[in-house]
PDB file of N, CA and C in Angstrom:
ATOM      1  N   MET A   1     -11.075   9.405  -3.384  1.00  0.00           N
ATOM      2  CA  MET A   1     -11.129  10.085  -4.722  1.00  0.00           C
ATOM      3  C   MET A   1     -10.105  11.143  -4.752  1.00  0.00           C
ATOM      4  N   SER A   2      -9.184  11.389  -4.054  1.00  0.00           N
ATOM      5  CA  SER A   2      -8.233  12.442  -4.075  1.00  0.00           C
ATOM      6  C   SER A   2      -7.112  11.700  -4.754  1.00  0.00           C
ATOM      7  N   GLY A   3      -6.989  10.544  -5.133  1.00  0.00           N
ATOM      8  CA  GLY A   3      -5.741   9.964  -5.514  1.00  0.00           C
ATOM      9  C   GLY A   3      -4.577   9.510  -4.855  1.00  0.00           C
ATOM     10  N   GLU A   4      -4.605   9.968  -3.643  1.00  0.00           N
ATOM     11  CA  GLU A   4      -3.780   9.872  -2.743  1.00  0.00           C
ATOM     12  C   GLU A   4      -3.268   8.467  -2.548  1.00  0.00           C
ATOM     13  N   HIS A   5      -4.142   7.391  -2.666  1.00  0.00           N
ATOM     14  CA  HIS A   5      -4.073   5.898  -2.631  1.00  0.00           C
ATOM     15  C   HIS A   5      -4.627   5.071  -3.708  1.00  0.00           C
ATOM     16  N   PRO A   6      -4.134   4.284  -4.477  1.00  0.00           N
ATOM     17  CA  PRO A   6      -4.654   3.488  -5.493  1.00  0.00           C
ATOM     18  C   PRO A   6      -5.858   2.635  -5.077  1.00  0.00           C
ATOM     19  N   ILE A   7      -6.605   2.746  -6.158  1.00  0.00           N
ATOM     20  CA  ILE A   7      -7.661   1.580  -5.649  1.00  0.00           C
ATOM     21  C   ILE A   7      -7.208   0.001  -6.005  1.00  0.00           C
ATOM     22  N   VAL A   8      -7.189  -0.869  -4.886  1.00  0.00           N
ATOM     23  CA  VAL A   8      -6.643  -2.208  -4.758  1.00  0.00           C
ATOM     24  C   VAL A   8      -7.520  -3.224  -4.562  1.00  0.00           C
ATOM     25  N   GLU A   9      -9.107  -2.858  -4.537  1.00  0.00           N
ATOM     26  CA  GLU A   9     -10.195  -3.621  -4.103  1.00  0.00           C
ATOM     27  C   GLU A   9     -11.370  -3.340  -4.929  1.00  0.00           C
ATOM     28  N   VAL A  10     -12.128  -3.921  -5.573  1.00  0.00           N
ATOM     29  CA  VAL A  10     -13.472  -3.628  -6.084  1.00  0.00           C
ATOM     30  C   VAL A  10     -14.598  -4.825  -5.592  1.00  0.00           C
ATOM     31  N   LEU A  11     -15.465  -4.206  -4.773  1.00  0.00           N
ATOM     32  CA  LEU A  11     -16.607  -5.002  -4.422  1.00  0.00           C
ATOM     33  C   LEU A  11     -17.587  -4.722  -5.354  1.00  0.00           C
ATOM     34  N   HIS A  12     -18.542  -5.920  -5.718  1.00  0.00           N
ATOM     35  CA  HIS A  12     -19.687  -5.812  -6.254  1.00  0.00           C
ATOM     36  C   HIS A  12     -20.887  -6.681  -5.604  1.00  0.00           C
ATOM     37  N   TRP A  13     -21.656  -6.071  -4.743  1.00  0.00           N
ATOM     38  CA  TRP A  13     -22.396  -6.820  -3.912  1.00  0.00           C
ATOM     39  C   TRP A  13     -23.620  -7.188  -4.358  1.00  0.00           C
ATOM     40  N   ASP A  14     -24.298  -8.343  -4.219  1.00  0.00           N
ATOM     41  CA  ASP A  14     -25.434  -8.862  -4.726  1.00  0.00           C
ATOM     42  C   ASP A  14     -26.869  -8.127  -4.718  1.00  0.00           C
ATOM     43  N   ASP A  15     -26.545  -6.715  -3.968  1.00  0.00           N
ATOM     44  CA  ASP A  15     -27.659  -5.935  -4.089  1.00  0.00           C
ATOM     45  C   ASP A  15     -27.512  -4.705  -5.185  1.00  0.00           C
ATOM     46  N   GLY A  16     -26.315  -4.664  -6.114  1.00  0.00           N
ATOM     47  CA  GLY A  16     -26.050  -4.117  -7.049  1.00  0.00           C
ATOM     48  C   GLY A  16     -25.231  -2.921  -6.713  1.00  0.00           C
ATOM     49  N   GLY A  17     -24.661  -2.790  -5.211  1.00  0.00           N
ATOM     50  CA  GLY A  17     -23.941  -1.900  -4.991  1.00  0.00           C
ATOM     51  C   GLY A  17     -22.468  -2.183  -5.256  1.00  0.00           C
ATOM     52  N   TRP A  18     -21.549  -1.313  -5.344  1.00  0.00           N
ATOM     53  CA  TRP A  18     -20.149  -1.357  -5.644  1.00  0.00           C
ATOM     54  C   TRP A  18     -19.201  -0.570  -4.463  1.00  0.00           C
ATOM     55  N   GLN A  19     -18.277  -1.142  -4.563  1.00  0.00           N
ATOM     56  CA  GLN A  19     -17.340  -0.406  -3.335  1.00  0.00           C
ATOM     57  C   GLN A  19     -15.872  -0.263  -4.035  1.00  0.00           C
ATOM     58  N   PHE A  20     -15.045   0.731  -4.141  1.00  0.00           N
ATOM     59  CA  PHE A  20     -13.757   0.793  -4.463  1.00  0.00           C
ATOM     60  C   PHE A  20     -12.808   1.191  -3.526  1.00  0.00           C
ATOM     61  N   MET A  21     -11.938   0.346  -3.000  1.00  0.00           N
ATOM     62  CA  MET A  21     -11.394   0.228  -1.794  1.00  0.00           C
ATOM     63  C   MET A  21      -9.698   0.439  -2.157  1.00  0.00           C
ATOM     64  N   CYS A  22      -9.270   1.327  -0.819  1.00  0.00           N
ATOM     65  CA  CYS A  22      -7.720   1.639  -0.822  1.00  0.00           C
ATOM     66  C   CYS A  22      -7.152   0.581   0.093  1.00  0.00           C
ATOM     67  N   ASN A  23      -7.848  -0.034   1.021  1.00  0.00           N
ATOM     68  CA  ASN A  23      -7.415  -0.766   1.966  1.00  0.00           C
ATOM     69  C   ASN A  23      -6.668  -0.019   2.676  1.00  0.00           C
ATOM     70  N   THR A  24      -6.157   1.322   3.079  1.00  0.00           N
ATOM     71  CA  THR A  24      -5.386   1.956   3.995  1.00  0.00           C
ATOM     72  C   THR A  24      -6.084   2.057   5.251  1.00  0.00           C
ATOM     73  N   THR A  25      -7.405   1.854   5.493  1.00  0.00           N
ATOM     74  CA  THR A  25      -8.040   2.215   6.439  1.00  0.00           C
ATOM     75  C   THR A  25      -9.048   1.397   6.767  1.00  0.00           C
ATOM     76  N   GLU A  26      -9.684   0.894   8.368  1.00  0.00           N
ATOM     77  CA  GLU A  26     -10.763   0.008   8.288  1.00  0.00           C
ATOM     78  C   GLU A  26     -11.917   0.942   9.167  1.00  0.00           C
ATOM     79  N   ASN A  27     -11.727   2.392   9.241  1.00  0.00           N
ATOM     80  CA  ASN A  27     -12.378   3.375   9.719  1.00  0.00           C
ATOM     81  C   ASN A  27     -13.448   3.987   8.690  1.00  0.00           C
ATOM     82  N   ALA A  28     -15.091   3.140   8.884  1.00  0.00           N
ATOM     83  CA  ALA A  28     -16.001   3.459   8.172  1.00  0.00           C
ATOM     84  C   ALA A  28     -16.198   4.971   7.818  1.00  0.00           C
ATOM     85  N   ASP A  29     -15.599   5.774   8.735  1.00  0.00           N
ATOM     86  CA  ASP A  29     -15.987   7.027   8.460  1.00  0.00           C
ATOM     87  C   ASP A  29     -15.005   7.801   7.341  1.00  0.00           C
ATOM     88  N   ASP A  30     -13.949   7.002   7.111  1.00  0.00           N
ATOM     89  CA  ASP A  30     -13.217   7.541   6.072  1.00  0.00           C
ATOM     90  C   ASP A  30     -13.691   7.415   4.714  1.00  0.00           C
ATOM     91  N   GLY A  31     -14.949   6.563   4.592  1.00  0.00           N
ATOM     92  CA  GLY A  31     -15.627   6.028   3.354  1.00  0.00           C
ATOM     93  C   GLY A  31     -16.261   7.583   2.620  1.00  0.00           C
ATOM     94  N   LEU A  32     -16.554   7.424   1.249  1.00  0.00           N
ATOM     95  CA  LEU A  32     -16.970   8.581   0.915  1.00  0.00           C
ATOM     96  C   LEU A  32     -18.270   7.933  -0.190  1.00  0.00           C
ATOM     97  N   VAL A  33     -19.329   8.424  -0.307  1.00  0.00           N
ATOM     98  CA  VAL A  33     -20.283   7.924  -1.138  1.00  0.00           C
ATOM     99  C   VAL A  33     -20.155   8.946  -2.703  1.00  0.00           C
ATOM    100  N   VAL A  34     -20.058   8.297  -3.765  1.00  0.00           N
ATOM    101  CA  VAL A  34     -19.783   8.820  -4.839  1.00  0.00           C
ATOM    102  C   VAL A  34     -20.530   8.422  -6.222  1.00  0.00           C
ATOM    103  N   CYS A  35     -21.277   9.470  -6.798  1.00  0.00           N
ATOM    104  CA  CYS A  35     -21.574   9.024  -8.129  1.00  0.00           C
ATOM    105  C   CYS A  35     -20.834   7.791  -9.040  1.00  0.00           C
ATOM    106  N   MET A  36     -21.345   6.805  -9.394  1.00  0.00           N
ATOM    107  CA  MET A  36     -20.449   6.118 -10.375  1.00  0.00           C
ATOM    108  C   MET A  36     -19.599   7.118 -11.585  1.00  0.00           C
ATOM    109  N   GLY A  37     -20.594   7.672 -11.994  1.00  0.00           N
ATOM    110  CA  GLY A  37     -19.937   8.570 -13.228  1.00  0.00           C
ATOM    111  C   GLY A  37     -18.869   9.463 -12.802  1.00  0.00           C
ATOM    112  N   CYS A  38     -18.972   9.903 -11.445  1.00  0.00           N
ATOM    113  CA  CYS A  38     -17.976  10.803 -10.980  1.00  0.00           C
ATOM    114  C   CYS A  38     -16.628   9.707 -11.170  1.00  0.00           C
ATOM    115  N   LEU A  39     -16.801   8.642 -10.402  1.00  0.00           N
ATOM    116  CA  LEU A  39     -15.479   7.795  -9.894  1.00  0.00           C
ATOM    117  C   LEU A  39     -15.227   7.457 -11.488  1.00  0.00           C
ATOM    118  N   TYR A  40     -15.830   6.990 -12.512  1.00  0.00           N
ATOM    119  CA  TYR A  40     -15.401   6.542 -13.792  1.00  0.00           C
ATOM    120  C   TYR A  40     -14.687   7.960 -14.394  1.00  0.00           C
ATOM    121  N   LYS A  41     -14.933   8.894 -14.315  1.00  0.00           N
ATOM    122  CA  LYS A  41     -14.376  10.274 -15.003  1.00  0.00           C
ATOM    123  C   LYS A  41     -12.989  10.534 -14.400  1.00  0.00           C
ATOM    124  N   LYS A  42     -12.917  10.097 -13.363  1.00  0.00           N
ATOM    125  CA  LYS A  42     -11.509  10.535 -12.648  1.00  0.00           C
ATOM    126  C   LYS A  42     -10.465   8.954 -12.765  1.00  0.00           C
ATOM    127  N   PHE A  43     -11.514   7.895 -12.665  1.00  0.00           N
ATOM    128  CA  PHE A  43     -10.644   6.663 -12.951  1.00  0.00           C
ATOM    129  C   PHE A  43     -11.143   5.641 -13.937  1.00  0.00           C
ATOM    130  N   PRO A  44     -11.030   5.952 -15.062  1.00  0.00           N
ATOM    131  CA  PRO A  44     -11.685   5.277 -16.439  1.00  0.00           C
ATOM    132  C   PRO A  44     -11.253   3.973 -16.437  1.00  0.00           C
ATOM    133  N   TRP A  45      -9.940   3.603 -15.955  1.00  0.00           N
ATOM    134  CA  TRP A  45      -9.963   2.061 -16.060  1.00  0.00           C
ATOM    135  C   TRP A  45     -10.384   1.238 -15.394  1.00  0.00           C
ATOM    136  N   ILE A  46     -11.641   1.730 -14.374  1.00  0.00           N
ATOM    137  CA  ILE A  46     -12.309   0.840 -13.396  1.00  0.00           C
ATOM    138  C   ILE A  46     -13.274   0.189 -14.299  1.00  0.00           C
ATOM    139  N   SER A  47     -13.532   0.572 -15.631  1.00  0.00           N
ATOM    140  CA  SER A  47     -14.443  -0.025 -16.473  1.00  0.00           C
ATOM    141  C   SER A  47     -14.215  -1.454 -16.647  1.00  0.00           C
ATOM    142  N   LYS A  48     -12.642  -1.541 -16.580  1.00  0.00           N
ATOM    143  CA  LYS A  48     -12.692  -3.456 -17.043  1.00  0.00           C
ATOM    144  C   LYS A  48     -13.285  -4.134 -15.856  1.00  0.00           C
ATOM    145  N   PHE A  49     -13.927  -3.347 -14.808  1.00  0.00           N
ATOM    146  CA  PHE A  49     -14.714  -4.377 -13.899  1.00  0.00           C
ATOM    147  C   PHE A  49     -15.926  -4.412 -14.288  1.00  0.00           C
ATOM    148  N   LYS A  50     -16.685  -3.653 -15.329  1.00  0.00           N
ATOM    149  CA  LYS A  50     -17.640  -3.596 -15.533  1.00  0.00           C
ATOM    150  C   LYS A  50     -18.561  -4.942 -15.598  1.00  0.00           C
ATOM    151  N   ASP A  51     -18.111  -6.148 -15.888  1.00  0.00           N
ATOM    152  CA  ASP A  51     -18.749  -7.191 -15.935  1.00  0.00           C
ATOM    153  C   ASP A  51     -18.565  -8.156 -14.805  1.00  0.00           C
ATOM    154  N   LEU A  52     -17.774  -7.539 -13.884  1.00  0.00           N
ATOM    155  CA  LEU A  52     -17.654  -8.387 -12.489  1.00  0.00           C
ATOM    156  C   LEU A  52     -19.395  -8.826 -11.875  1.00  0.00           C
ATOM    157  N   ALA A  53     -19.199 -10.009 -11.839  1.00  0.00           N
ATOM    158  CA  ALA A  53     -20.339 -10.643 -11.208  1.00  0.00           C
ATOM    159  C   ALA A  53     -20.976 -10.178  -9.782  1.00  0.00           C
ATOM    160  N   PRO A  54     -22.387  -9.871  -9.684  1.00  0.00           N
ATOM    161  CA  PRO A  54     -22.682  -9.413  -8.180  1.00  0.00           C
ATOM    162  C   PRO A  54     -22.070 -10.821  -7.301  1.00  0.00           C
ATOM    163  N   ASN A  55     -21.754 -10.041  -6.108  1.00  0.00           N
ATOM    164  CA  ASN A  55     -21.330 -11.026  -5.094  1.00  0.00           C
ATOM    165  C   ASN A  55     -19.958 -11.496  -5.339  1.00  0.00           C
ATOM    166  N   HIS A  56     -19.186 -10.920  -5.912  1.00  0.00           N
ATOM    167  CA  HIS A  56     -17.748 -10.978  -6.194  1.00  0.00           C
ATOM    168  C   HIS A  56     -16.943  -9.757  -5.864  1.00  0.00           C
ATOM    169  N   SER A  57     -15.894 -10.083  -5.799  1.00  0.00           N
ATOM    170  CA  SER A  57     -14.907  -8.970  -5.920  1.00  0.00           C
ATOM    171  C   SER A  57     -13.228  -9.451  -6.618  1.00  0.00           C
ATOM    172  N   VAL A  58     -12.684  -8.265  -6.701  1.00  0.00           N
ATOM    173  CA  VAL A  58     -11.742  -8.421  -7.272  1.00  0.00           C
ATOM    174  C   VAL A  58     -10.475  -7.551  -6.594  1.00  0.00           C
ATOM    175  N   TYR A  59      -9.468  -8.083  -6.247  1.00  0.00           N
ATOM    176  CA  TYR A  59      -8.178  -7.491  -5.469  1.00  0.00           C
ATOM    177  C   TYR A  59      -6.757  -7.564  -6.127  1.00  0.00           C
ATOM    178  N   LEU A  60      -5.825  -6.579  -5.835  1.00  0.00           N
ATOM    179  CA  LEU A  60      -4.606  -6.461  -6.474  1.00  0.00           C
ATOM    180  C   LEU A  60      -3.647  -7.291  -5.626  1.00  0.00           C
ATOM    181  N   GLU A  61      -3.002  -8.183  -6.065  1.00  0.00           N
ATOM    182  CA  GLU A  61      -1.935  -9.079  -5.371  1.00  0.00           C
ATOM    183  C   GLU A  61      -0.775  -9.361  -6.421  1.00  0.00           C
ATOM    184  N   ASN A  62       0.425  -8.677  -5.914  1.00  0.00           N
ATOM    185  CA  ASN A  62       1.468  -9.052  -6.708  1.00  0.00           C
ATOM    186  C   ASN A  62       1.013  -8.336  -8.164  1.00  0.00           C
ATOM    187  N   SER A  63       0.532  -7.309  -8.290  1.00  0.00           N
ATOM    188  CA  SER A  63       0.211  -6.770  -9.619  1.00  0.00           C
ATOM    189  C   SER A  63      -0.435  -7.386 -10.546  1.00  0.00           C
ATOM    190  N   ASP A  64      -1.317  -8.671  -9.860  1.00  0.00           N
ATOM    191  CA  ASP A  64      -2.275  -9.242 -10.598  1.00  0.00           C
ATOM    192  C   ASP A  64      -3.705  -8.916 -10.034  1.00  0.00           C
ATOM    193  N   TRP A  65      -4.732  -8.796 -10.812  1.00  0.00           N
ATOM    194  CA  TRP A  65      -5.941  -8.958 -10.080  1.00  0.00           C
ATOM    195  C   TRP A  65      -6.783 -10.243  -9.945  1.00  0.00           C
ATOM    196  N   GLN A  66      -6.872 -10.252  -8.596  1.00  0.00           N
ATOM    197  CA  GLN A  66      -7.600 -11.782  -8.531  1.00  0.00           C
ATOM    198  C   GLN A  66      -8.985 -11.594  -8.204  1.00  0.00           C
ATOM    199  N   ILE A  67      -9.810 -12.418  -8.669  1.00  0.00           N
ATOM    200  CA  ILE A  67     -11.245 -12.515  -8.486  1.00  0.00           C
ATOM    201  C   ILE A  67     -11.431 -13.439  -7.569  1.00  0.00           C
ATOM    202  N   GLU A  68     -12.681 -13.262  -6.469  1.00  0.00           N
ATOM    203  CA  GLU A  68     -13.178 -13.996  -5.442  1.00  0.00           C
ATOM    204  C   GLU A  68     -14.349 -13.813  -5.421  1.00  0.00           C
ATOM    205  N   GLU A  69     -15.429 -14.935  -4.738  1.00  0.00           N
ATOM    206  CA  GLU A  69     -16.920 -14.769  -4.644  1.00  0.00           C
ATOM    207  C   GLU A  69     -16.789 -14.287  -3.054  1.00  0.00           C
ATOM    208  N   LEU A  70     -17.793 -13.286  -2.655  1.00  0.00           N
ATOM    209  CA  LEU A  70     -17.942 -12.706  -1.503  1.00  0.00           C
ATOM    210  C   LEU A  70     -18.836 -13.853  -0.616  1.00  0.00           C
ATOM    211  N   GLU A  71     -18.379 -13.581   0.726  1.00  0.00           N
ATOM    212  CA  GLU A  71     -18.982 -14.565   1.306  1.00  0.00           C
ATOM    213  C   GLU A  71     -20.384 -13.797   2.088  1.00  0.00           C
TER     214      GLU A  71
END
């Protein structure tokens, strides 16, 4: 949320949950719980992933967004 690192991965879980990742840490304590509206207000471009199917993710690779099914 600080904008210090870009969002490089978006996960849409089959329970309806979402995660927006910078992938700069693996420490769960570095995560934040935020409302979707607050996230959208700060990063309106995330709306392009609104139709991402549950149990899928997109990640940034060489300036292109790649989609894959979550295991």
